[in-house]
Each structure stands twice: as structure tokens, then as C-alpha cells.
């Protein structure tokens, strides 16, 4: 066999091996897109949620319905509610007997942009760079846990973003978000845990209609108030 033929065959083997190796790799951005695409197929879901904001811990049940309806009913603090009905964001704070309401334009990203929604995931891919935190293989959710997750870390593309980074733990089997950990530029930290998902339960639109207590004081457009 001539040296020229050997070089050609060696080159073909290298290209074939490289191609097979590349087929076994899923980039972090491609994996994140597959998660976002899966969330886009969901009609609705309910899950238990626990939120840790520095030393404060809150818990309750979150409900989502496509395209952008979102509600959280808290058990801790008891009776606290957050609802987005597609037009208005409403927050009821029972300990302050206050209702905060904010009208949201239909084309605004400030609506139901919770991370665990198709809209929220789409925004993250636009404003953050996605990378694997521990590699492309599933790892235990926590030390000693049988729950296997994919761990991603998202870093902001510009300094205008509120979070310096966002970490996502995604169930390796279901592609559902198990945990979100975020750190702000001011050093604040947030951890959201999602448990006991119920998928496509045919939640009605009535679920996202909320009438706060009439005795509560109302504050409108609170996001833009001083």
C-alpha cells in the first residue's frame, strides 16, 4: 500500500472517529433547548414548591397553564398568593393586609416569566450563556441521593442582568426542573425546589381568577412606584 493511500485512509478514519465522537456529545445549549422545547409541549402542571430567599423559607403549590397563566398558593406564609392571569400580576400579602397589582402589556417579558415556564426558559437562553456545571452525564441531586439530575450553570451575557448566575438541576429522566439556584449582583441568593409534579391535569382558567379579601389595602402598579 502506498504512502499516499495510507494518508487518505488515515484521514478517513480520523474523520469518521471524530464524527462518531461528536455524535455522542450534546452541548449544554442544545440540552437546555431540549428542556425548553419540552416545557413548550406542556398544557399545564402543578407542583409543590419551596423557596429559600437568604434565611427566609416559603412553601406552597405552583400551578401553570399554557400560554402564560401562573399561580402560587403559599402554605408558608399561610394564605399568601401570587397570580398572573395573562394581563395582571396580583400578590396578596396577608400579614400586611395588602394587595399589590401590576398591569402587564401582552407583549411584555415581565409577565409570567417564571423560570419554570416556556417563556422564562426562552428569556434565559437569550440573556445567559449556558454551560454544564459538572459535565454532560447525570449526577446525584445531592450527596447520597438516588435522584439523578443534569446540572447546568447560566452566566449573564451583560452586566444589566439582575442575576450574576443561575444554576439549574434538571431531572435526567423527565427533563423537569428540580431546583433553581440564583445569585444577584447584590449578593442575595434564591433557591427554588420543585417537587411532586403533576403534568397535563386539564387545569381550568378559573384556577387563575383570584379575588383578594375586600378588607385588604390595594396598591396598583407597585413595580414602578417609589
Protein backbone atom coordinates (compact mmCIF):
# COMPACT_ATOMS: atom_id res chain seq x y z
CA UNK A 1 0.00 0.00 0.00
CA UNK A 2 1.43 3.35 -1.00
CA UNK A 3 2.18 6.13 1.50
CA UNK A 4 -0.39 8.32 -0.32
CA UNK A 5 -3.18 5.76 0.13
CA UNK A 6 -2.22 5.29 3.78
CA UNK A 7 -2.58 9.04 4.36
CA UNK A 8 -6.02 9.03 2.74
CA UNK A 9 -7.20 6.05 4.77
CA UNK A 10 -5.80 7.53 7.97
CA UNK A 11 -7.60 10.78 7.23
CA UNK A 12 -10.88 8.96 6.60
CA UNK A 13 -10.56 7.01 9.84
CA UNK A 14 -9.84 10.21 11.77
CA UNK A 15 -12.84 11.97 10.23
CA UNK A 16 -15.11 9.01 10.92
CA UNK A 17 -13.92 8.72 14.53
CA UNK A 18 -14.35 12.46 15.03
CA UNK A 19 -17.87 12.28 13.62
CA UNK A 20 -18.84 9.37 15.87
CA UNK A 21 -17.37 11.14 18.89
CA UNK A 22 -19.22 14.35 18.05
CA UNK A 23 -22.50 12.46 17.77
CA UNK A 24 -22.07 11.34 21.37
CA UNK A 25 -21.78 14.91 22.65
CA UNK A 26 -24.76 17.09 23.46
CA UNK A 27 -23.72 20.67 24.08
CA UNK A 28 -25.12 22.42 27.14
CA UNK A 29 -27.02 24.91 24.98
CA UNK A 30 -28.54 22.08 22.93
CA UNK A 31 -29.58 20.23 26.07
CA UNK A 32 -31.07 23.39 27.54
CA UNK A 33 -33.03 23.94 24.31
CA UNK A 34 -34.41 20.40 24.54
CA UNK A 35 -35.66 21.20 28.05
CA UNK A 36 -37.21 24.45 26.83
CA UNK A 37 -38.83 22.63 23.91
CA UNK A 38 -40.28 20.04 26.29
CA UNK A 39 -41.80 22.70 28.54
CA UNK A 40 -43.36 24.25 25.43
CA UNK A 41 -45.31 21.00 24.88
CA UNK A 42 -46.90 21.04 28.34
CA UNK A 43 -50.52 22.13 28.58
CA UNK A 44 -50.28 22.67 32.33
CA UNK A 45 -48.65 21.44 35.50
CA UNK A 46 -48.87 21.64 39.27
CA UNK A 47 -46.00 21.10 41.70
CA UNK A 48 -45.03 21.63 45.28
CA UNK A 49 -42.58 24.49 45.60
CA UNK A 50 -40.16 25.58 48.31
CA UNK A 51 -38.43 28.95 48.08
CA UNK A 52 -35.40 29.94 50.12
CA UNK A 53 -34.51 33.62 49.99
CA UNK A 54 -31.42 34.07 52.15
CA UNK A 55 -32.70 32.98 55.60
CA UNK A 56 -36.41 33.10 54.74
CA UNK A 57 -38.21 29.92 53.68
CA UNK A 58 -41.55 29.85 51.87
CA UNK A 59 -43.53 26.89 50.55
CA UNK A 60 -46.74 26.17 48.68
CA UNK A 61 -48.15 24.89 45.40
CA UNK A 62 -47.44 26.34 41.96
CA UNK A 63 -49.84 26.00 39.02
CA UNK A 64 -49.02 26.82 35.40
CA UNK A 65 -51.21 26.73 32.29
CA UNK A 66 -50.16 27.48 28.75
CA UNK A 67 -49.53 30.03 27.44
CA UNK A 68 -48.76 32.24 30.46
CA UNK A 69 -51.08 31.65 33.43
CA UNK A 70 -49.31 31.24 36.76
CA UNK A 71 -50.41 30.93 40.37
CA UNK A 72 -48.67 30.15 43.66
CA UNK A 73 -50.72 29.39 46.77
CA UNK A 74 -48.49 29.50 49.82
CA UNK A 75 -48.84 27.42 52.94
CA UNK A 76 -45.91 29.30 54.45
CA UNK A 77 -46.67 32.20 54.78
CA UNK A 78 -50.22 30.89 55.07
CA UNK A 79 -52.74 32.34 52.58
CA UNK A 80 -50.18 34.37 50.64
CA UNK A 81 -50.95 34.23 46.91
CA UNK A 82 -49.22 35.21 43.67
CA UNK A 83 -51.32 35.12 40.48
CA UNK A 84 -50.69 36.14 36.89
CA UNK A 85 -53.81 35.89 34.70
CA UNK A 86 -52.21 36.96 31.44
CA UNK A 87 -52.86 40.67 31.98
CA UNK A 88 -52.34 41.46 35.66
CA UNK A 89 -49.88 40.31 38.30
CA UNK A 90 -51.51 40.14 41.75
CA UNK A 91 -49.73 39.49 45.05
CA UNK A 92 -51.69 39.13 48.28
CA UNK A 93 -49.69 39.66 51.50
CA UNK A 94 -51.94 38.58 54.39
CA UNK A 95 -49.55 39.68 57.15
CA UNK A 96 -49.73 43.23 55.79
CA UNK A 97 -53.36 43.04 54.65
CA UNK A 98 -52.14 44.33 51.29
CA UNK A 99 -52.81 43.52 47.65
CA UNK A 100 -50.15 44.50 45.11
CA UNK A 101 -51.27 44.65 41.48
CA UNK A 102 -49.35 45.37 38.31
CA UNK A 103 -50.80 45.57 34.81
CA UNK A 104 -48.57 43.91 32.22
CA UNK A 105 -48.62 44.52 28.49
CA UNK A 106 -49.40 41.39 26.48
CA UNK A 107 -46.05 41.55 24.65
CA UNK A 108 -44.02 42.24 27.77
CA UNK A 109 -41.50 39.72 29.06
CA UNK A 110 -42.35 40.81 32.61
CA UNK A 111 -45.48 38.67 32.60
CA UNK A 112 -45.31 35.02 33.51
CA UNK A 113 -41.56 34.89 33.08
CA UNK A 114 -41.07 32.37 35.87
CA UNK A 115 -38.05 30.24 35.13
CA UNK A 116 -40.10 27.04 35.06
CA UNK A 117 -42.20 28.16 32.08
CA UNK A 118 -41.52 28.15 28.32
CA UNK A 119 -41.36 31.96 28.29
CA UNK A 120 -38.91 32.07 31.19
CA UNK A 121 -36.63 29.46 29.64
CA UNK A 122 -36.65 31.29 26.31
CA UNK A 123 -35.59 34.51 28.03
CA UNK A 124 -32.77 32.75 29.85
CA UNK A 125 -31.34 31.37 26.61
CA UNK A 126 -31.38 34.89 25.19
CA UNK A 127 -29.66 36.68 28.06
CA UNK A 128 -27.45 33.99 29.60
CA UNK A 129 -24.67 31.68 28.41
CA UNK A 130 -25.42 28.02 29.20
CA UNK A 131 -22.74 25.55 30.30
CA UNK A 132 -22.58 22.22 32.09
CA UNK A 133 -21.63 22.60 35.73
CA UNK A 134 -20.38 19.02 36.21
CA UNK A 135 -20.32 17.55 32.69
CA UNK A 136 -22.88 16.06 30.33
CA UNK A 137 -23.55 12.95 32.45
CA UNK A 138 -26.25 12.83 35.15
CA UNK A 139 -25.10 13.14 38.75
CA UNK A 140 -26.89 12.66 42.10
CA UNK A 141 -29.13 15.58 43.02
CA UNK A 142 -27.42 15.74 46.41
CA UNK A 143 -24.81 13.61 48.17
CA UNK A 144 -26.30 10.17 48.76
CA UNK A 145 -29.40 10.88 46.67
CA UNK A 146 -30.80 8.33 44.19
CA UNK A 147 -32.30 11.18 42.18
CA UNK A 148 -30.19 11.84 39.08
CA UNK A 149 -30.03 15.30 37.53
CA UNK A 150 -28.27 17.28 34.85
CA UNK A 151 -26.56 20.32 36.32
CA UNK A 152 -26.35 23.50 34.24
CA UNK A 153 -24.94 26.91 35.09
CA UNK A 154 -26.06 30.05 33.28
CA UNK A 155 -23.93 33.18 33.37
CA UNK A 156 -25.17 36.56 32.24
CA UNK A 157 -24.16 37.98 28.87
CA UNK A 158 -24.21 41.57 30.12
CA UNK A 159 -24.00 43.39 33.44
CA UNK A 160 -27.56 44.68 33.02
CA UNK A 161 -28.99 41.30 34.10
CA UNK A 162 -30.13 41.07 37.72
CA UNK A 163 -28.64 37.63 38.38
CA UNK A 164 -24.89 37.00 38.19
CA UNK A 165 -25.56 33.34 37.60
CA UNK A 166 -28.39 30.81 37.65
CA UNK A 167 -27.88 27.12 38.36
CA UNK A 168 -30.41 24.55 37.18
CA UNK A 169 -30.81 20.96 38.35
CA UNK A 170 -32.91 19.12 35.76
CA UNK A 171 -34.33 15.63 36.28
CA UNK A 172 -32.35 13.41 33.92
CA UNK A 173 -35.39 11.23 33.12
CA UNK A 174 -38.24 13.73 32.84
CA UNK A 175 -36.41 16.96 31.85
CA UNK A 176 -38.41 18.76 34.53
CA UNK A 177 -36.65 21.43 36.58
CA UNK A 178 -35.92 20.13 40.05
CA UNK A 179 -34.01 23.08 41.52
CA UNK A 180 -33.15 26.64 40.59
CA UNK A 181 -30.38 28.49 42.41
CA UNK A 182 -29.70 32.12 41.59
CA UNK A 183 -27.39 34.82 42.92
CA UNK A 184 -28.00 38.53 42.42
CA UNK A 185 -25.42 41.24 41.89
CA UNK A 186 -26.11 42.41 45.46
CA UNK A 187 -25.11 39.06 46.94
CA UNK A 188 -28.64 37.84 47.55
CA UNK A 189 -29.37 34.17 46.91
CA UNK A 190 -32.53 32.32 45.97
CA UNK A 191 -33.22 28.58 45.81
CA UNK A 192 -36.44 27.17 44.34
CA UNK A 193 -37.20 23.47 44.69
CA UNK A 194 -39.96 21.84 42.62
CA UNK A 195 -41.39 18.51 43.82
CA UNK A 196 -44.25 16.13 43.02
CA UNK A 197 -45.05 17.40 39.54
CA UNK A 198 -48.48 16.67 38.10
CA UNK A 199 -48.42 17.13 34.33
CA UNK A 200 -51.32 17.93 31.97
CA UNK A 201 -54.11 17.79 34.57
CA UNK A 202 -56.51 19.93 32.49
CA UNK A 203 -56.38 22.86 34.89
CA UNK A 204 -59.22 25.29 34.13
CA UNK A 205 -58.80 29.02 33.57
CA UNK A 206 -60.87 29.58 36.71
CA UNK A 207 -57.86 28.50 38.70
CA UNK A 208 -56.16 31.78 37.77
CA UNK A 209 -59.02 34.06 38.77
CA UNK A 210 -58.34 35.45 42.23
CA UNK A 211 -60.47 37.78 44.32
CA UNK A 212 -58.39 39.12 47.22
CA UNK A 213 -60.09 39.98 50.53
CA UNK A 214 -62.03 43.22 50.30
CA UNK A 215 -60.54 44.36 53.60
CA UNK A 216 -57.01 44.43 52.16
CA UNK A 217 -55.41 47.68 51.02
CA UNK A 218 -54.68 47.79 47.28
CA UNK A 219 -51.54 49.19 45.70
CA UNK A 220 -51.56 49.41 41.91
CA UNK A 221 -48.55 49.47 39.57
CA UNK A 222 -46.31 48.69 42.53
CA UNK A 223 -43.34 47.73 40.34
CA UNK A 224 -42.96 51.33 39.23
CA UNK A 225 -43.86 53.03 42.50
CA UNK A 226 -41.24 54.64 44.67
